[in-house]
Structures are given as C-alpha cells and as structure tokens.
PDB file of all heavy atoms in Angstrom:
ATOM      1  N   GLU A   1       0.825  -1.216   0.000  1.00  0.00           N
ATOM      2  CA  GLU A   1       0.000   0.000   0.000  1.00  0.00           C
ATOM      3  C   GLU A   1       0.855   1.260   0.000  1.00  0.00           C
ATOM      4  O   GLU A   1       0.499   2.264  -0.629  1.00  0.00           O
ATOM      5  CB  GLU A   1      -0.931  -0.013   1.209  1.00  0.00           C
ATOM      6  CG  GLU A   1      -2.037  -1.058   1.111  1.00  0.00           C
ATOM      7  CD  GLU A   1      -2.768  -1.265   2.420  1.00  0.00           C
ATOM      8  OE1 GLU A   1      -2.166  -1.021   3.491  1.00  0.00           O
ATOM      9  OE2 GLU A   1      -3.943  -1.672   2.378  1.00  0.00           O
ATOM     10  N   ASN A   2       1.993   1.213   0.700  1.00  0.00           N
ATOM     11  CA  ASN A   2       2.899   2.358   0.694  1.00  0.00           C
ATOM     12  C   ASN A   2       3.444   2.623  -0.705  1.00  0.00           C
ATOM     13  O   ASN A   2       3.462   3.762  -1.170  1.00  0.00           O
ATOM     14  CB  ASN A   2       4.060   2.118   1.668  1.00  0.00           C
ATOM     15  CG  ASN A   2       3.819   2.683   3.050  1.00  0.00           C
ATOM     16  OD1 ASN A   2       4.076   3.853   3.306  1.00  0.00           O
ATOM     17  ND2 ASN A   2       3.297   1.844   3.934  1.00  0.00           N
ATOM     18  N   ILE A   3       3.886   1.573  -1.364  1.00  0.00           N
ATOM     19  CA  ILE A   3       4.469   1.743  -2.703  1.00  0.00           C
ATOM     20  C   ILE A   3       3.399   2.191  -3.694  1.00  0.00           C
ATOM     21  O   ILE A   3       3.652   3.022  -4.576  1.00  0.00           O
ATOM     22  CB  ILE A   3       5.133   0.431  -3.170  1.00  0.00           C
ATOM     23  CG1 ILE A   3       6.301   0.066  -2.238  1.00  0.00           C
ATOM     24  CG2 ILE A   3       5.640   0.569  -4.607  1.00  0.00           C
ATOM     25  CD1 ILE A   3       6.915  -1.296  -2.519  1.00  0.00           C
ATOM     26  N   ALA A   4       2.193   1.669  -3.534  1.00  0.00           N
ATOM     27  CA  ALA A   4       1.118   1.957  -4.484  1.00  0.00           C
ATOM     28  C   ALA A   4       0.467   3.321  -4.285  1.00  0.00           C
ATOM     29  O   ALA A   4      -0.296   3.776  -5.146  1.00  0.00           O
ATOM     30  CB  ALA A   4       0.043   0.875  -4.372  1.00  0.00           C
ATOM     31  N   PHE A   5       0.777   3.994  -3.186  1.00  0.00           N
ATOM     32  CA  PHE A   5       0.045   5.201  -2.795  1.00  0.00           C
ATOM     33  C   PHE A   5       0.005   6.261  -3.902  1.00  0.00           C
ATOM     34  O   PHE A   5      -1.054   6.785  -4.251  1.00  0.00           O
ATOM     35  CB  PHE A   5       0.654   5.791  -1.526  1.00  0.00           C
ATOM     36  CG  PHE A   5      -0.073   6.997  -1.016  1.00  0.00           C
ATOM     37  CD1 PHE A   5      -1.253   6.869  -0.301  1.00  0.00           C
ATOM     38  CD2 PHE A   5       0.403   8.279  -1.279  1.00  0.00           C
ATOM     39  CE1 PHE A   5      -1.933   7.988   0.167  1.00  0.00           C
ATOM     40  CE2 PHE A   5      -0.269   9.404  -0.821  1.00  0.00           C
ATOM     41  CZ  PHE A   5      -1.444   9.255  -0.102  1.00  0.00           C
ATOM     42  N   GLY A   6       1.171   6.577  -4.470  1.00  0.00           N
ATOM     43  CA  GLY A   6       1.227   7.616  -5.498  1.00  0.00           C
ATOM     44  C   GLY A   6       0.434   7.261  -6.747  1.00  0.00           C
ATOM     45  O   GLY A   6      -0.157   8.133  -7.396  1.00  0.00           O
ATOM     46  N   LEU A   7       0.409   5.973  -7.081  1.00  0.00           N
ATOM     47  CA  LEU A   7      -0.355   5.526  -8.250  1.00  0.00           C
ATOM     48  C   LEU A   7      -1.857   5.644  -7.997  1.00  0.00           C
ATOM     49  O   LEU A   7      -2.627   5.982  -8.898  1.00  0.00           O
ATOM     50  CB  LEU A   7       0.013   4.083  -8.586  1.00  0.00           C
ATOM     51  CG  LEU A   7       1.472   3.847  -9.013  1.00  0.00           C
ATOM     52  CD1 LEU A   7       1.748   2.358  -9.174  1.00  0.00           C
ATOM     53  CD2 LEU A   7       1.799   4.590 -10.300  1.00  0.00           C
ATOM     54  N   LYS A   8      -2.277   5.356  -6.758  1.00  0.00           N
ATOM     55  CA  LYS A   8      -3.697   5.498  -6.410  1.00  0.00           C
ATOM     56  C   LYS A   8      -4.130   6.951  -6.499  1.00  0.00           C
ATOM     57  O   LYS A   8      -5.232   7.258  -6.971  1.00  0.00           O
ATOM     58  CB  LYS A   8      -3.949   4.942  -5.010  1.00  0.00           C
ATOM     59  CG  LYS A   8      -3.877   3.431  -4.924  1.00  0.00           C
ATOM     60  CD  LYS A   8      -4.189   2.931  -3.515  1.00  0.00           C
ATOM     61  CE  LYS A   8      -4.147   1.417  -3.446  1.00  0.00           C
ATOM     62  NZ  LYS A   8      -4.412   0.913  -2.077  1.00  0.00           N
ATOM     63  N   VAL A   9      -3.255   7.845  -6.031  1.00  0.00           N
ATOM     64  CA  VAL A   9      -3.559   9.278  -6.113  1.00  0.00           C
ATOM     65  C   VAL A   9      -3.750   9.699  -7.564  1.00  0.00           C
ATOM     66  O   VAL A   9      -4.606  10.524  -7.887  1.00  0.00           O
ATOM     67  CB  VAL A   9      -2.435  10.104  -5.444  1.00  0.00           C
ATOM     68  CG1 VAL A   9      -2.617  11.599  -5.731  1.00  0.00           C
ATOM     69  CG2 VAL A   9      -2.415   9.865  -3.935  1.00  0.00           C
ATOM     70  N   LYS A  10      -2.947   9.098  -8.454  1.00  0.00           N
ATOM     71  CA  LYS A  10      -3.046   9.414  -9.881  1.00  0.00           C
ATOM     72  C   LYS A  10      -4.181   8.662 -10.572  1.00  0.00           C
ATOM     73  O   LYS A  10      -4.350   8.764 -11.789  1.00  0.00           O
ATOM     74  CB  LYS A  10      -1.713   9.086 -10.576  1.00  0.00           C
ATOM     75  CG  LYS A  10      -0.558  10.001 -10.188  1.00  0.00           C
ATOM     76  CD  LYS A  10       0.725   9.562 -10.872  1.00  0.00           C
ATOM     77  CE  LYS A  10       1.889  10.478 -10.544  1.00  0.00           C
ATOM     78  NZ  LYS A  10       1.780  11.782 -11.199  1.00  0.00           N
ATOM     79  N   LYS A  11      -4.945   7.855  -9.772  1.00  0.00           N
ATOM     80  CA  LYS A  11      -6.097   7.111 -10.277  1.00  0.00           C
ATOM     81  C   LYS A  11      -5.727   6.100 -11.375  1.00  0.00           C
ATOM     82  O   LYS A  11      -6.442   5.921 -12.363  1.00  0.00           O
ATOM     83  CB  LYS A  11      -7.185   8.072 -10.782  1.00  0.00           C
ATOM     84  CG  LYS A  11      -7.781   8.931  -9.664  1.00  0.00           C
ATOM     85  CD  LYS A  11      -8.886   9.817 -10.175  1.00  0.00           C
ATOM     86  CE  LYS A  11      -9.689  10.492  -9.079  1.00  0.00           C
ATOM     87  NZ  LYS A  11      -8.976  10.931  -7.885  1.00  0.00           N
ATOM     88  N   VAL A  12      -4.583   5.457 -11.171  1.00  0.00           N
ATOM     89  CA  VAL A  12      -4.176   4.371 -12.065  1.00  0.00           C
ATOM     90  C   VAL A  12      -5.038   3.148 -11.746  1.00  0.00           C
ATOM     91  O   VAL A  12      -5.429   2.913 -10.600  1.00  0.00           O
ATOM     92  CB  VAL A  12      -2.672   4.055 -11.858  1.00  0.00           C
ATOM     93  CG1 VAL A  12      -2.238   2.870 -12.709  1.00  0.00           C
ATOM     94  CG2 VAL A  12      -1.828   5.293 -12.192  1.00  0.00           C
ATOM     95  N   SER A  13      -5.342   2.342 -12.761  1.00  0.00           N
ATOM     96  CA  SER A  13      -6.197   1.174 -12.567  1.00  0.00           C
ATOM     97  C   SER A  13      -5.524   0.146 -11.659  1.00  0.00           C
ATOM     98  O   SER A  13      -4.294   0.048 -11.607  1.00  0.00           O
ATOM     99  CB  SER A  13      -6.516   0.526 -13.919  1.00  0.00           C
ATOM    100  OG  SER A  13      -5.348  -0.063 -14.469  1.00  0.00           O
ATOM    101  N   LYS A  14      -6.325  -0.654 -10.955  1.00  0.00           N
ATOM    102  CA  LYS A  14      -5.800  -1.636 -10.019  1.00  0.00           C
ATOM    103  C   LYS A  14      -4.874  -2.654 -10.674  1.00  0.00           C
ATOM    104  O   LYS A  14      -3.809  -2.978 -10.127  1.00  0.00           O
ATOM    105  CB  LYS A  14      -6.955  -2.349  -9.301  1.00  0.00           C
ATOM    106  CG  LYS A  14      -7.614  -1.509  -8.216  1.00  0.00           C
ATOM    107  CD  LYS A  14      -8.639  -2.320  -7.439  1.00  0.00           C
ATOM    108  CE  LYS A  14      -9.259  -1.479  -6.328  1.00  0.00           C
ATOM    109  NZ  LYS A  14     -10.260  -2.254  -5.544  1.00  0.00           N
ATOM    110  N   PRO A  15      -5.222  -3.196 -11.856  1.00  0.00           N
ATOM    111  CA  PRO A  15      -4.304  -4.154 -12.495  1.00  0.00           C
ATOM    112  C   PRO A  15      -2.940  -3.524 -12.819  1.00  0.00           C
ATOM    113  O   PRO A  15      -1.895  -4.160 -12.647  1.00  0.00           O
ATOM    114  CB  PRO A  15      -5.049  -4.566 -13.768  1.00  0.00           C
ATOM    115  CG  PRO A  15      -6.497  -4.307 -13.469  1.00  0.00           C
ATOM    116  CD  PRO A  15      -6.500  -3.106 -12.600  1.00  0.00           C
ATOM    117  N   GLU A  16      -2.958  -2.274 -13.293  1.00  0.00           N
ATOM    118  CA  GLU A  16      -1.687  -1.619 -13.620  1.00  0.00           C
ATOM    119  C   GLU A  16      -0.900  -1.312 -12.356  1.00  0.00           C
ATOM    120  O   GLU A  16       0.333  -1.431 -12.341  1.00  0.00           O
ATOM    121  CB  GLU A  16      -1.929  -0.327 -14.413  1.00  0.00           C
ATOM    122  CG  GLU A  16      -0.622   0.290 -14.903  1.00  0.00           C
ATOM    123  CD  GLU A  16      -0.804   1.560 -15.725  1.00  0.00           C
ATOM    124  OE1 GLU A  16      -1.955   1.859 -16.109  1.00  0.00           O
ATOM    125  OE2 GLU A  16       0.208   2.233 -15.977  1.00  0.00           O
ATOM    126  N   ILE A  17      -1.604  -0.903 -11.293  1.00  0.00           N
ATOM    127  CA  ILE A  17      -0.920  -0.648 -10.020  1.00  0.00           C
ATOM    128  C   ILE A  17      -0.188  -1.907  -9.562  1.00  0.00           C
ATOM    129  O   ILE A  17       0.996  -1.858  -9.195  1.00  0.00           O
ATOM    130  CB  ILE A  17      -1.921  -0.189  -8.933  1.00  0.00           C
ATOM    131  CG1 ILE A  17      -2.389   1.235  -9.214  1.00  0.00           C
ATOM    132  CG2 ILE A  17      -1.271  -0.255  -7.542  1.00  0.00           C
ATOM    133  CD1 ILE A  17      -3.442   1.742  -8.251  1.00  0.00           C
ATOM    134  N   LYS A  18      -0.892  -3.041  -9.599  1.00  0.00           N
ATOM    135  CA  LYS A  18      -0.262  -4.295  -9.150  1.00  0.00           C
ATOM    136  C   LYS A  18       0.959  -4.633 -10.000  1.00  0.00           C
ATOM    137  O   LYS A  18       2.014  -5.020  -9.479  1.00  0.00           O
ATOM    138  CB  LYS A  18      -1.262  -5.450  -9.199  1.00  0.00           C
ATOM    139  CG  LYS A  18      -0.672  -6.735  -8.618  1.00  0.00           C
ATOM    140  CD  LYS A  18      -1.652  -7.874  -8.616  1.00  0.00           C
ATOM    141  CE  LYS A  18      -1.074  -9.077  -7.866  1.00  0.00           C
ATOM    142  NZ  LYS A  18       0.295  -9.415  -8.220  1.00  0.00           N
ATOM    143  N   ALA A  19       0.823  -4.476 -11.304  1.00  0.00           N
ATOM    144  CA  ALA A  19       1.940  -4.796 -12.203  1.00  0.00           C
ATOM    145  C   ALA A  19       3.146  -3.903 -11.915  1.00  0.00           C
ATOM    146  O   ALA A  19       4.288  -4.383 -11.853  1.00  0.00           O
ATOM    147  CB  ALA A  19       1.500  -4.644 -13.657  1.00  0.00           C
ATOM    148  N   ARG A  20       2.888  -2.613 -11.713  1.00  0.00           N
ATOM    149  CA  ARG A  20       3.994  -1.674 -11.496  1.00  0.00           C
ATOM    150  C   ARG A  20       4.625  -1.830 -10.120  1.00  0.00           C
ATOM    151  O   ARG A  20       5.847  -1.713  -9.962  1.00  0.00           O
ATOM    152  CB  ARG A  20       3.510  -0.241 -11.736  1.00  0.00           C
ATOM    153  CG  ARG A  20       3.286   0.022 -13.232  1.00  0.00           C
ATOM    154  CD  ARG A  20       2.574   1.316 -13.517  1.00  0.00           C
ATOM    155  NE  ARG A  20       3.382   2.498 -13.223  1.00  0.00           N
ATOM    156  CZ  ARG A  20       3.030   3.733 -13.539  1.00  0.00           C
ATOM    157  NH1 ARG A  20       1.874   3.945 -14.167  1.00  0.00           N
ATOM    158  NH2 ARG A  20       3.794   4.748 -13.249  1.00  0.00           N
ATOM    159  N   VAL A  21       3.804  -2.095  -9.106  1.00  0.00           N
ATOM    160  CA  VAL A  21       4.349  -2.318  -7.764  1.00  0.00           C
ATOM    161  C   VAL A  21       5.190  -3.582  -7.746  1.00  0.00           C
ATOM    162  O   VAL A  21       6.303  -3.598  -7.183  1.00  0.00           O
ATOM    163  CB  VAL A  21       3.213  -2.408  -6.712  1.00  0.00           C
ATOM    164  CG1 VAL A  21       3.773  -2.883  -5.368  1.00  0.00           C
ATOM    165  CG2 VAL A  21       2.540  -1.053  -6.542  1.00  0.00           C
ATOM    166  N   ASP A  22       4.699  -4.655  -8.345  1.00  0.00           N
ATOM    167  CA  ASP A  22       5.467  -5.910  -8.392  1.00  0.00           C
ATOM    168  C   ASP A  22       6.790  -5.709  -9.124  1.00  0.00           C
ATOM    169  O   ASP A  22       7.835  -6.224  -8.702  1.00  0.00           O
ATOM    170  CB  ASP A  22       4.653  -7.005  -9.088  1.00  0.00           C
ATOM    171  CG  ASP A  22       3.497  -7.509  -8.229  1.00  0.00           C
ATOM    172  OD1 ASP A  22       3.483  -7.211  -7.018  1.00  0.00           O
ATOM    173  OD2 ASP A  22       2.601  -8.195  -8.776  1.00  0.00           O
ATOM    174  N   GLU A  23       6.746  -4.955 -10.196  1.00  0.00           N
ATOM    175  CA  GLU A  23       7.959  -4.723 -10.997  1.00  0.00           C
ATOM    176  C   GLU A  23       8.989  -3.922 -10.209  1.00  0.00           C
ATOM    177  O   GLU A  23      10.171  -4.292 -10.165  1.00  0.00           O
ATOM    178  CB  GLU A  23       7.597  -3.981 -12.288  1.00  0.00           C
ATOM    179  CG  GLU A  23       8.801  -3.702 -13.172  1.00  0.00           C
ATOM    180  CD  GLU A  23       8.450  -2.862 -14.405  1.00  0.00           C
ATOM    181  OE1 GLU A  23       7.333  -2.279 -14.437  1.00  0.00           O
ATOM    182  OE2 GLU A  23       9.289  -2.780 -15.311  1.00  0.00           O
ATOM    183  N   ILE A  24       8.563  -2.831  -9.590  1.00  0.00           N
ATOM    184  CA  ILE A  24       9.520  -1.979  -8.871  1.00  0.00           C
ATOM    185  C   ILE A  24      10.027  -2.674  -7.618  1.00  0.00           C
ATOM    186  O   ILE A  24      11.195  -2.542  -7.241  1.00  0.00           O
ATOM    187  CB  ILE A  24       8.897  -0.598  -8.531  1.00  0.00           C
ATOM    188  CG1 ILE A  24      10.013   0.434  -8.266  1.00  0.00           C
ATOM    189  CG2 ILE A  24       7.981  -0.654  -7.330  1.00  0.00           C
ATOM    190  CD1 ILE A  24      10.768   0.849  -9.472  1.00  0.00           C
ATOM    191  N   ALA A  25       9.159  -3.474  -6.960  1.00  0.00           N
ATOM    192  CA  ALA A  25       9.586  -4.210  -5.765  1.00  0.00           C
ATOM    193  C   ALA A  25      10.696  -5.204  -6.112  1.00  0.00           C
ATOM    194  O   ALA A  25      11.676  -5.344  -5.370  1.00  0.00           O
ATOM    195  CB  ALA A  25       8.398  -4.942  -5.143  1.00  0.00           C
ATOM    196  N   ALA A  26      10.559  -5.855  -7.241  1.00  0.00           N
ATOM    197  CA  ALA A  26      11.578  -6.805  -7.675  1.00  0.00           C
ATOM    198  C   ALA A  26      12.902  -6.092  -7.956  1.00  0.00           C
ATOM    199  O   ALA A  26      13.978  -6.586  -7.613  1.00  0.00           O
ATOM    200  CB  ALA A  26      11.113  -7.557  -8.919  1.00  0.00           C
ATOM    201  N   LYS A  27      12.810  -4.900  -8.541  1.00  0.00           N
ATOM    202  CA  LYS A  27      14.026  -4.153  -8.895  1.00  0.00           C
ATOM    203  C   LYS A  27      14.789  -3.679  -7.670  1.00  0.00           C
ATOM    204  O   LYS A  27      16.017  -3.564  -7.700  1.00  0.00           O
ATOM    205  CB  LYS A  27      13.671  -2.971  -9.797  1.00  0.00           C
ATOM    206  CG  LYS A  27      13.334  -3.369 -11.221  1.00  0.00           C
ATOM    207  CD  LYS A  27      13.055  -2.162 -12.102  1.00  0.00           C
ATOM    208  CE  LYS A  27      12.782  -2.582 -13.542  1.00  0.00           C
ATOM    209  NZ  LYS A  27      12.460  -1.421 -14.405  1.00  0.00           N
ATOM    210  N   VAL A  28      14.065  -3.369  -6.588  1.00  0.00           N
ATOM    211  CA  VAL A  28      14.751  -2.933  -5.358  1.00  0.00           C
ATOM    212  C   VAL A  28      14.932  -4.100  -4.380  1.00  0.00           C
ATOM    213  O   VAL A  28      15.281  -3.908  -3.216  1.00  0.00           O
ATOM    214  CB  VAL A  28      14.011  -1.765  -4.666  1.00  0.00           C
ATOM    215  CG1 VAL A  28      13.927  -0.558  -5.570  1.00  0.00           C
ATOM    216  CG2 VAL A  28      12.625  -2.181  -4.181  1.00  0.00           C
ATOM    217  N   GLU A  29      14.678  -5.324  -4.881  1.00  0.00           N
ATOM    218  CA  GLU A  29      14.934  -6.557  -4.137  1.00  0.00           C
ATOM    219  C   GLU A  29      14.083  -6.678  -2.878  1.00  0.00           C
ATOM    220  O   GLU A  29      14.567  -7.048  -1.799  1.00  0.00           O
ATOM    221  CB  GLU A  29      16.429  -6.684  -3.823  1.00  0.00           C
ATOM    222  CG  GLU A  29      17.281  -6.770  -5.070  1.00  0.00           C
ATOM    223  CD  GLU A  29      18.772  -6.883  -4.782  1.00  0.00           C
ATOM    224  OE1 GLU A  29      19.143  -6.899  -3.594  1.00  0.00           O
ATOM    225  OE2 GLU A  29      19.553  -6.961  -5.740  1.00  0.00           O
ATOM    226  N   LEU A  30      12.801  -6.350  -3.007  1.00  0.00           N
ATOM    227  CA  LEU A  30      11.814  -6.633  -1.966  1.00  0.00           C
ATOM    228  C   LEU A  30      11.065  -7.899  -2.379  1.00  0.00           C
ATOM    229  O   LEU A  30      10.534  -7.976  -3.487  1.00  0.00           O
ATOM    230  CB  LEU A  30      10.835  -5.466  -1.810  1.00  0.00           C
ATOM    231  CG  LEU A  30      11.378  -4.215  -1.109  1.00  0.00           C
ATOM    232  CD1 LEU A  30      10.396  -3.063  -1.284  1.00  0.00           C
ATOM    233  CD2 LEU A  30      11.638  -4.475   0.369  1.00  0.00           C
ATOM    234  N   GLU A  31      11.042  -8.898  -1.497  1.00  0.00           N
ATOM    235  CA  GLU A  31      10.406 -10.169  -1.806  1.00  0.00           C
ATOM    236  C   GLU A  31       8.878 -10.037  -1.779  1.00  0.00           C
ATOM    237  O   GLU A  31       8.334  -9.191  -1.054  1.00  0.00           O
ATOM    238  CB  GLU A  31      10.842 -11.225  -0.793  1.00  0.00           C
ATOM    239  CG  GLU A  31      12.348 -11.490  -0.768  1.00  0.00           C
ATOM    240  CD  GLU A  31      12.857 -12.050  -2.076  1.00  0.00           C
ATOM    241  OE1 GLU A  31      12.070 -12.749  -2.764  1.00  0.00           O
ATOM    242  OE2 GLU A  31      14.015 -11.784  -2.426  1.00  0.00           O
ATOM    243  N   PRO A  32       8.149 -10.871  -2.552  1.00  0.00           N
ATOM    244  CA  PRO A  32       6.678 -10.802  -2.577  1.00  0.00           C
ATOM    245  C   PRO A  32       6.042 -10.889  -1.194  1.00  0.00           C
ATOM    246  O   PRO A  32       5.070 -10.189  -0.907  1.00  0.00           O
ATOM    247  CB  PRO A  32       6.287 -12.001  -3.455  1.00  0.00           C
ATOM    248  CG  PRO A  32       7.471 -12.197  -4.358  1.00  0.00           C
ATOM    249  CD  PRO A  32       8.664 -11.850  -3.529  1.00  0.00           C
ATOM    250  N   GLU A  33       6.609 -11.738  -0.313  1.00  0.00           N
ATOM    251  CA  GLU A  33       6.022 -11.864   1.022  1.00  0.00           C
ATOM    252  C   GLU A  33       6.218 -10.594   1.865  1.00  0.00           C
ATOM    253  O   GLU A  33       5.440 -10.318   2.788  1.00  0.00           O
ATOM    254  CB  GLU A  33       6.587 -13.081   1.767  1.00  0.00           C
ATOM    255  CG  GLU A  33       8.086 -13.098   1.939  1.00  0.00           C
ATOM    256  CD  GLU A  33       8.806 -13.807   0.799  1.00  0.00           C
ATOM    257  OE1 GLU A  33       8.218 -13.945  -0.292  1.00  0.00           O
ATOM    258  OE2 GLU A  33       9.949 -14.225   1.024  1.00  0.00           O
ATOM    259  N   GLN A  34       7.266  -9.821   1.542  1.00  0.00           N
ATOM    260  CA  GLN A  34       7.496  -8.579   2.277  1.00  0.00           C
ATOM    261  C   GLN A  34       6.460  -7.509   1.934  1.00  0.00           C
ATOM    262  O   GLN A  34       6.218  -6.593   2.728  1.00  0.00           O
ATOM    263  CB  GLN A  34       8.907  -8.050   1.992  1.00  0.00           C
ATOM    264  CG  GLN A  34      10.000  -8.917   2.613  1.00  0.00           C
ATOM    265  CD  GLN A  34      11.391  -8.480   2.207  1.00  0.00           C
ATOM    266  OE1 GLN A  34      11.610  -8.040   1.067  1.00  0.00           O
ATOM    267  NE2 GLN A  34      12.342  -8.576   3.122  1.00  0.00           N
ATOM    268  N   LEU A  35       5.856  -7.615   0.761  1.00  0.00           N
ATOM    269  CA  LEU A  35       4.861  -6.624   0.358  1.00  0.00           C
ATOM    270  C   LEU A  35       3.615  -6.668   1.253  1.00  0.00           C
ATOM    271  O   LEU A  35       2.897  -5.674   1.362  1.00  0.00           O
ATOM    272  CB  LEU A  35       4.451  -6.849  -1.101  1.00  0.00           C
ATOM    273  CG  LEU A  35       5.543  -6.647  -2.152  1.00  0.00           C
ATOM    274  CD1 LEU A  35       4.991  -6.936  -3.549  1.00  0.00           C
ATOM    275  CD2 LEU A  35       6.102  -5.235  -2.102  1.00  0.00           C
ATOM    276  N   LYS A  36       3.398  -7.801   1.912  1.00  0.00           N
ATOM    277  CA  LYS A  36       2.223  -7.940   2.768  1.00  0.00           C
ATOM    278  C   LYS A  36       2.468  -7.428   4.185  1.00  0.00           C
ATOM    279  O   LYS A  36       1.530  -7.255   4.966  1.00  0.00           O
ATOM    280  CB  LYS A  36       1.814  -9.416   2.840  1.00  0.00           C
ATOM    281  CG  LYS A  36       1.504 -10.042   1.485  1.00  0.00           C
ATOM    282  CD  LYS A  36       1.291 -11.538   1.615  1.00  0.00           C
ATOM    283  CE  LYS A  36       1.131 -12.195   0.244  1.00  0.00           C
ATOM    284  NZ  LYS A  36       1.028 -13.676   0.360  1.00  0.00           N
ATOM    285  N   LYS A  37       3.730  -7.184   4.530  1.00  0.00           N
ATOM    286  CA  LYS A  37       4.078  -6.799   5.895  1.00  0.00           C
ATOM    287  C   LYS A  37       3.766  -5.331   6.170  1.00  0.00           C
ATOM    288  O   LYS A  37       3.685  -4.510   5.264  1.00  0.00           O
ATOM    289  CB  LYS A  37       5.560  -7.070   6.146  1.00  0.00           C
ATOM    290  CG  LYS A  37       5.934  -8.539   6.175  1.00  0.00           C
ATOM    291  CD  LYS A  37       7.406  -8.715   6.510  1.00  0.00           C
ATOM    292  CE  LYS A  37       7.768 -10.186   6.630  1.00  0.00           C
ATOM    293  NZ  LYS A  37       9.185 -10.385   6.991  1.00  0.00           N
ATOM    294  N   LYS A  38       3.648  -5.019   7.472  1.00  0.00           N
ATOM    295  CA  LYS A  38       3.551  -3.634   7.901  1.00  0.00           C
ATOM    296  C   LYS A  38       4.957  -3.025   7.917  1.00  0.00           C
ATOM    297  O   LYS A  38       5.961  -3.739   8.059  1.00  0.00           O
ATOM    298  CB  LYS A  38       2.944  -3.537   9.311  1.00  0.00           C
ATOM    299  CG  LYS A  38       1.519  -4.066   9.421  1.00  0.00           C
ATOM    300  CD  LYS A  38       0.532  -3.180   8.681  1.00  0.00           C
ATOM    301  CE  LYS A  38      -0.904  -3.648   8.921  1.00  0.00           C
ATOM    302  NZ  LYS A  38      -1.876  -2.890   8.111  1.00  0.00           N
ATOM    303  N   ILE A  39       5.028  -1.714   7.789  1.00  0.00           N
ATOM    304  CA  ILE A  39       6.313  -1.036   7.779  1.00  0.00           C
ATOM    305  C   ILE A  39       7.102  -1.313   9.056  1.00  0.00           C
ATOM    306  O   ILE A  39       8.325  -1.491   9.032  1.00  0.00           O
ATOM    307  CB  ILE A  39       6.105   0.493   7.609  1.00  0.00           C
ATOM    308  CG1 ILE A  39       5.542   0.793   6.210  1.00  0.00           C
ATOM    309  CG2 ILE A  39       7.408   1.247   7.825  1.00  0.00           C
ATOM    310  CD1 ILE A  39       6.418   0.345   5.060  1.00  0.00           C
ATOM    311  N   SER A  40       6.411  -1.387  10.186  1.00  0.00           N
ATOM    312  CA  SER A  40       7.077  -1.608  11.471  1.00  0.00           C
ATOM    313  C   SER A  40       7.766  -2.969  11.556  1.00  0.00           C
ATOM    314  O   SER A  40       8.620  -3.183  12.427  1.00  0.00           O
ATOM    315  CB  SER A  40       6.069  -1.471  12.612  1.00  0.00           C
ATOM    316  OG  SER A  40       5.011  -2.402  12.449  1.00  0.00           O
TER     317      SER A  40
END
C-alpha cells in the first residue's frame, strides 16, 4: 500500500498498479512476502 500510494492518487487502474508495484519491488529486491508486511 505504501508503494502503491502515489499511483492510487493518480487514479491508475488496479491491475496496472499491481503490475507496477510488483515490478519496482523486484528491482529494489523486496520479496513478494514482504509486500504484505507492515512497515514496522
């Protein structure tokens, strides 16, 4: 949700948001399971 925040503000569609978040998370080496965690 943190990564997707700016895309939601720009009213990007949900499928595109998921695709872009997954892509950028992989590039900065965040694992899929980490995307579900809280920041804390």
